[in-house]
């Protein structure tokens, strides 16, 4: 029976969803890995994924800010088109 279980579950440390879930679960972290090399590879992949997601989020925020500025600028230009403005007297 143990041989069959090992055979059936031997690849489990290589499945991304499972190794990420194991690492991120505070009960297991590295304890869920039999192989230290696979654990370190999983940690490296988790860090890379977090870094990539952070960069994607930052890129989206910059795109959103640029789009907002562009729309605001067009909106202000459209509003002021055709109107003459007199300087305010203080």
N, C-alpha and C. Protein backbone atom coordinates (compact mmCIF):
# COMPACT_ATOMS: atom_id res chain seq x y z
N UNK A 1 0.81 -1.21 0.00
CA UNK A 1 0.00 0.00 0.00
C UNK A 1 0.85 1.27 0.00
N UNK A 2 1.85 1.42 0.88
CA UNK A 2 2.67 2.64 0.85
C UNK A 2 3.39 2.84 -0.49
N UNK A 3 3.78 1.77 -1.13
CA UNK A 3 4.45 1.88 -2.42
C UNK A 3 3.48 2.45 -3.45
N UNK A 4 2.25 2.00 -3.43
CA UNK A 4 1.25 2.50 -4.36
C UNK A 4 0.94 3.98 -4.10
N UNK A 5 0.87 4.35 -2.84
CA UNK A 5 0.63 5.76 -2.50
C UNK A 5 1.79 6.64 -2.97
N UNK A 6 3.01 6.21 -2.73
CA UNK A 6 4.17 6.97 -3.19
C UNK A 6 4.18 7.10 -4.70
N UNK A 7 3.84 6.03 -5.38
CA UNK A 7 3.79 6.05 -6.85
C UNK A 7 2.71 7.03 -7.33
N UNK A 8 1.56 6.98 -6.68
CA UNK A 8 0.43 7.81 -7.09
C UNK A 8 0.67 9.29 -6.79
N UNK A 9 1.29 9.61 -5.67
CA UNK A 9 1.45 11.00 -5.24
C UNK A 9 2.87 11.54 -5.41
N UNK A 10 3.75 10.82 -6.07
CA UNK A 10 5.15 11.25 -6.19
C UNK A 10 5.31 12.55 -6.98
N UNK A 11 4.43 12.83 -7.89
CA UNK A 11 4.53 14.03 -8.74
C UNK A 11 3.83 15.25 -8.13
N UNK A 12 3.24 15.07 -6.97
CA UNK A 12 2.39 16.12 -6.40
C UNK A 12 3.17 17.42 -6.11
N UNK A 13 4.46 17.31 -5.81
CA UNK A 13 5.28 18.49 -5.52
C UNK A 13 5.58 19.30 -6.78
N UNK A 14 5.22 18.79 -7.93
CA UNK A 14 5.50 19.47 -9.20
C UNK A 14 4.26 20.15 -9.78
N UNK A 15 3.12 19.98 -9.16
CA UNK A 15 1.87 20.59 -9.63
C UNK A 15 1.78 22.00 -9.04
N UNK A 16 1.79 23.02 -9.91
CA UNK A 16 1.88 24.41 -9.46
C UNK A 16 0.81 24.79 -8.44
N UNK A 17 -0.43 24.50 -8.73
CA UNK A 17 -1.50 24.89 -7.81
C UNK A 17 -1.31 24.26 -6.43
N UNK A 18 -0.85 23.02 -6.41
CA UNK A 18 -0.68 22.32 -5.14
C UNK A 18 0.55 22.81 -4.38
N UNK A 19 1.68 23.03 -5.08
CA UNK A 19 2.84 23.49 -4.32
C UNK A 19 2.68 24.93 -3.86
N UNK A 20 1.97 25.75 -4.61
CA UNK A 20 1.72 27.13 -4.14
C UNK A 20 0.80 27.12 -2.93
N UNK A 21 -0.25 26.29 -2.98
CA UNK A 21 -1.17 26.20 -1.85
C UNK A 21 -0.45 25.69 -0.60
N UNK A 22 0.44 24.72 -0.78
CA UNK A 22 1.19 24.17 0.35
C UNK A 22 2.09 25.23 0.96
N UNK A 23 2.81 25.96 0.11
CA UNK A 23 3.72 27.01 0.61
C UNK A 23 2.97 28.11 1.34
N UNK A 24 1.83 28.49 0.81
CA UNK A 24 1.09 29.61 1.37
C UNK A 24 0.26 29.24 2.60
N UNK A 25 0.09 27.96 2.84
CA UNK A 25 -0.64 27.52 4.03
C UNK A 25 0.30 27.58 5.23
N UNK A 26 -0.01 28.41 6.22
CA UNK A 26 0.89 28.57 7.36
C UNK A 26 1.09 27.29 8.18
N UNK A 27 0.21 26.31 8.02
CA UNK A 27 0.37 25.05 8.75
C UNK A 27 1.47 24.18 8.14
N UNK A 28 1.73 24.33 6.85
CA UNK A 28 2.65 23.44 6.17
C UNK A 28 3.95 24.12 5.73
N UNK A 29 3.83 25.17 4.94
CA UNK A 29 5.00 25.83 4.35
C UNK A 29 5.94 24.79 3.75
N UNK A 30 7.17 24.73 4.22
CA UNK A 30 8.14 23.76 3.69
C UNK A 30 7.91 22.34 4.21
N UNK A 31 7.15 22.19 5.28
CA UNK A 31 6.93 20.86 5.86
C UNK A 31 6.17 19.94 4.91
N UNK A 32 5.44 20.50 3.97
CA UNK A 32 4.67 19.70 3.03
C UNK A 32 5.49 19.09 1.92
N UNK A 33 6.78 19.33 1.91
CA UNK A 33 7.66 18.83 0.85
C UNK A 33 8.61 17.77 1.39
N UNK A 34 8.72 16.68 0.66
CA UNK A 34 9.70 15.65 1.01
C UNK A 34 11.08 16.02 0.47
N UNK A 35 11.09 16.64 -0.68
CA UNK A 35 12.32 16.95 -1.38
C UNK A 35 12.67 18.42 -1.17
N UNK A 36 13.82 18.71 -0.55
CA UNK A 36 14.23 20.09 -0.28
C UNK A 36 14.47 20.90 -1.56
N UNK A 37 14.98 20.24 -2.58
CA UNK A 37 15.24 20.92 -3.85
C UNK A 37 13.91 21.37 -4.50
N UNK A 38 12.91 20.51 -4.45
CA UNK A 38 11.60 20.86 -5.01
C UNK A 38 10.95 21.96 -4.18
N UNK A 39 11.18 21.93 -2.87
CA UNK A 39 10.64 22.98 -2.00
C UNK A 39 11.26 24.32 -2.36
N UNK A 40 12.57 24.36 -2.57
CA UNK A 40 13.24 25.61 -2.93
C UNK A 40 12.79 26.10 -4.30
N UNK A 41 12.61 25.19 -5.24
CA UNK A 41 12.11 25.55 -6.57
C UNK A 41 10.70 26.14 -6.45
N UNK A 42 9.88 25.54 -5.61
CA UNK A 42 8.52 26.05 -5.40
C UNK A 42 8.55 27.44 -4.78
N UNK A 43 9.44 27.66 -3.82
CA UNK A 43 9.58 28.98 -3.19
C UNK A 43 9.99 30.01 -4.22
N UNK A 44 10.97 29.66 -5.05
CA UNK A 44 11.43 30.58 -6.10
C UNK A 44 10.30 30.91 -7.07
N UNK A 45 9.53 29.90 -7.46
CA UNK A 45 8.40 30.12 -8.38
C UNK A 45 7.33 30.99 -7.74
N UNK A 46 7.09 30.79 -6.45
CA UNK A 46 6.10 31.59 -5.74
C UNK A 46 6.53 33.06 -5.69
N UNK A 47 7.81 33.29 -5.40
CA UNK A 47 8.34 34.66 -5.37
C UNK A 47 8.24 35.31 -6.75
N UNK A 48 8.59 34.55 -7.79
CA UNK A 48 8.51 35.08 -9.15
C UNK A 48 7.08 35.44 -9.51
N UNK A 49 6.14 34.56 -9.15
CA UNK A 49 4.72 34.81 -9.46
C UNK A 49 4.24 36.07 -8.73
N UNK A 50 4.63 36.23 -7.46
CA UNK A 50 4.23 37.41 -6.69
C UNK A 50 4.84 38.67 -7.31
N UNK A 51 6.10 38.60 -7.73
CA UNK A 51 6.77 39.73 -8.37
C UNK A 51 6.06 40.10 -9.67
N UNK A 52 5.75 39.10 -10.49
CA UNK A 52 5.07 39.35 -11.77
C UNK A 52 3.69 39.97 -11.56
N UNK A 53 2.95 39.45 -10.57
CA UNK A 53 1.62 40.00 -10.29
C UNK A 53 1.70 41.43 -9.79
N UNK A 54 2.71 41.73 -8.98
CA UNK A 54 2.90 43.09 -8.49
C UNK A 54 3.21 44.03 -9.64
N UNK A 55 4.09 43.61 -10.54
CA UNK A 55 4.42 44.44 -11.70
C UNK A 55 3.21 44.67 -12.60
N UNK A 56 2.42 43.63 -12.80
CA UNK A 56 1.21 43.77 -13.62
C UNK A 56 0.24 44.77 -12.99
N UNK A 57 0.10 44.69 -11.68
CA UNK A 57 -0.81 45.61 -10.98
C UNK A 57 -0.30 47.04 -11.08
N UNK A 58 1.02 47.23 -10.93
CA UNK A 58 1.59 48.57 -11.05
C UNK A 58 1.41 49.11 -12.47
N UNK A 59 1.63 48.26 -13.46
CA UNK A 59 1.44 48.68 -14.85
C UNK A 59 -0.01 49.09 -15.10
N UNK A 60 -0.96 48.34 -14.56
CA UNK A 60 -2.38 48.68 -14.73
C UNK A 60 -2.70 50.02 -14.07
N UNK A 61 -2.11 50.27 -12.89
CA UNK A 61 -2.36 51.53 -12.20
C UNK A 61 -1.81 52.70 -13.02
N UNK A 62 -0.62 52.53 -13.62
CA UNK A 62 -0.04 53.59 -14.44
C UNK A 62 -0.91 53.83 -15.67
N UNK A 63 -1.36 52.75 -16.32
CA UNK A 63 -2.23 52.89 -17.49
C UNK A 63 -3.52 53.62 -17.13
N UNK A 64 -4.09 53.25 -16.00
CA UNK A 64 -5.33 53.88 -15.55
C UNK A 64 -5.11 55.36 -15.27
N UNK A 65 -4.01 55.68 -14.61
CA UNK A 65 -3.71 57.09 -14.30
C UNK A 65 -3.49 57.88 -15.59
N UNK A 66 -2.77 57.30 -16.54
CA UNK A 66 -2.53 58.00 -17.81
C UNK A 66 -3.83 58.20 -18.57
N UNK A 67 -4.69 57.18 -18.57
CA UNK A 67 -5.97 57.30 -19.27
C UNK A 67 -6.84 58.36 -18.60
N UNK A 68 -6.80 58.42 -17.28
CA UNK A 68 -7.58 59.42 -16.56
C UNK A 68 -7.11 60.82 -16.88
N UNK A 69 -5.80 61.01 -16.92
CA UNK A 69 -5.24 62.32 -17.26
C UNK A 69 -5.61 62.69 -18.69
N UNK A 70 -5.52 61.73 -19.61
CA UNK A 70 -5.85 62.01 -21.01
C UNK A 70 -7.32 62.38 -21.15
N UNK A 71 -8.19 61.65 -20.49
CA UNK A 71 -9.62 61.94 -20.57
C UNK A 71 -9.91 63.28 -19.91
N UNK A 72 -9.30 63.54 -18.76
CA UNK A 72 -9.51 64.82 -18.09
C UNK A 72 -9.05 65.98 -18.97
N UNK A 73 -7.91 65.81 -19.61
CA UNK A 73 -7.40 66.86 -20.49
C UNK A 73 -8.33 67.10 -21.66
N UNK A 74 -8.86 66.04 -22.26
CA UNK A 74 -9.81 66.18 -23.36
C UNK A 74 -11.08 66.84 -22.88
N UNK A 75 -11.52 66.46 -21.71
CA UNK A 75 -12.74 67.02 -21.16
C UNK A 75 -12.59 68.52 -20.92
N UNK A 76 -11.47 68.92 -20.34
CA UNK A 76 -11.22 70.34 -20.09
C UNK A 76 -11.09 71.11 -21.40
N UNK A 77 -10.42 70.52 -22.38
CA UNK A 77 -10.27 71.17 -23.67
C UNK A 77 -11.63 71.32 -24.34
N UNK A 78 -12.46 70.31 -24.27
CA UNK A 78 -13.77 70.36 -24.89
C UNK A 78 -14.63 71.43 -24.21
N UNK A 79 -14.57 71.52 -22.92
CA UNK A 79 -15.35 72.51 -22.20
C UNK A 79 -14.94 73.93 -22.55
N UNK A 80 -13.66 74.13 -22.72
CA UNK A 80 -13.19 75.50 -22.94
C UNK A 80 -13.24 75.91 -24.41
N UNK A 81 -13.52 74.97 -25.30
CA UNK A 81 -13.56 75.28 -26.72
C UNK A 81 -14.69 76.26 -27.01
N UNK A 82 -14.37 77.30 -27.71
CA UNK A 82 -15.38 78.26 -28.12
C UNK A 82 -15.73 79.29 -27.07
N UNK A 83 -15.16 79.21 -25.92
CA UNK A 83 -15.47 80.18 -24.87
C UNK A 83 -14.26 81.09 -24.69
N UNK A 84 -14.55 82.33 -24.49
CA UNK A 84 -13.47 83.24 -24.17
C UNK A 84 -13.49 83.48 -22.67
N UNK A 85 -12.36 83.43 -22.10
CA UNK A 85 -12.27 83.62 -20.65
C UNK A 85 -11.64 84.95 -20.36
N UNK A 86 -12.24 85.65 -19.46
CA UNK A 86 -11.69 86.93 -19.02
C UNK A 86 -10.85 86.67 -17.78
N UNK A 87 -9.74 87.32 -17.68
CA UNK A 87 -8.93 87.15 -16.48
C UNK A 87 -9.69 87.69 -15.26
N UNK A 88 -9.54 86.99 -14.16
CA UNK A 88 -10.21 87.42 -12.93
C UNK A 88 -9.48 88.58 -12.32
N UNK A 89 -10.23 89.47 -11.79
CA UNK A 89 -9.65 90.61 -11.10
C UNK A 89 -9.66 90.30 -9.62
N UNK A 90 -8.54 90.44 -8.99
CA UNK A 90 -8.45 90.15 -7.56
C UNK A 90 -8.87 91.33 -6.74
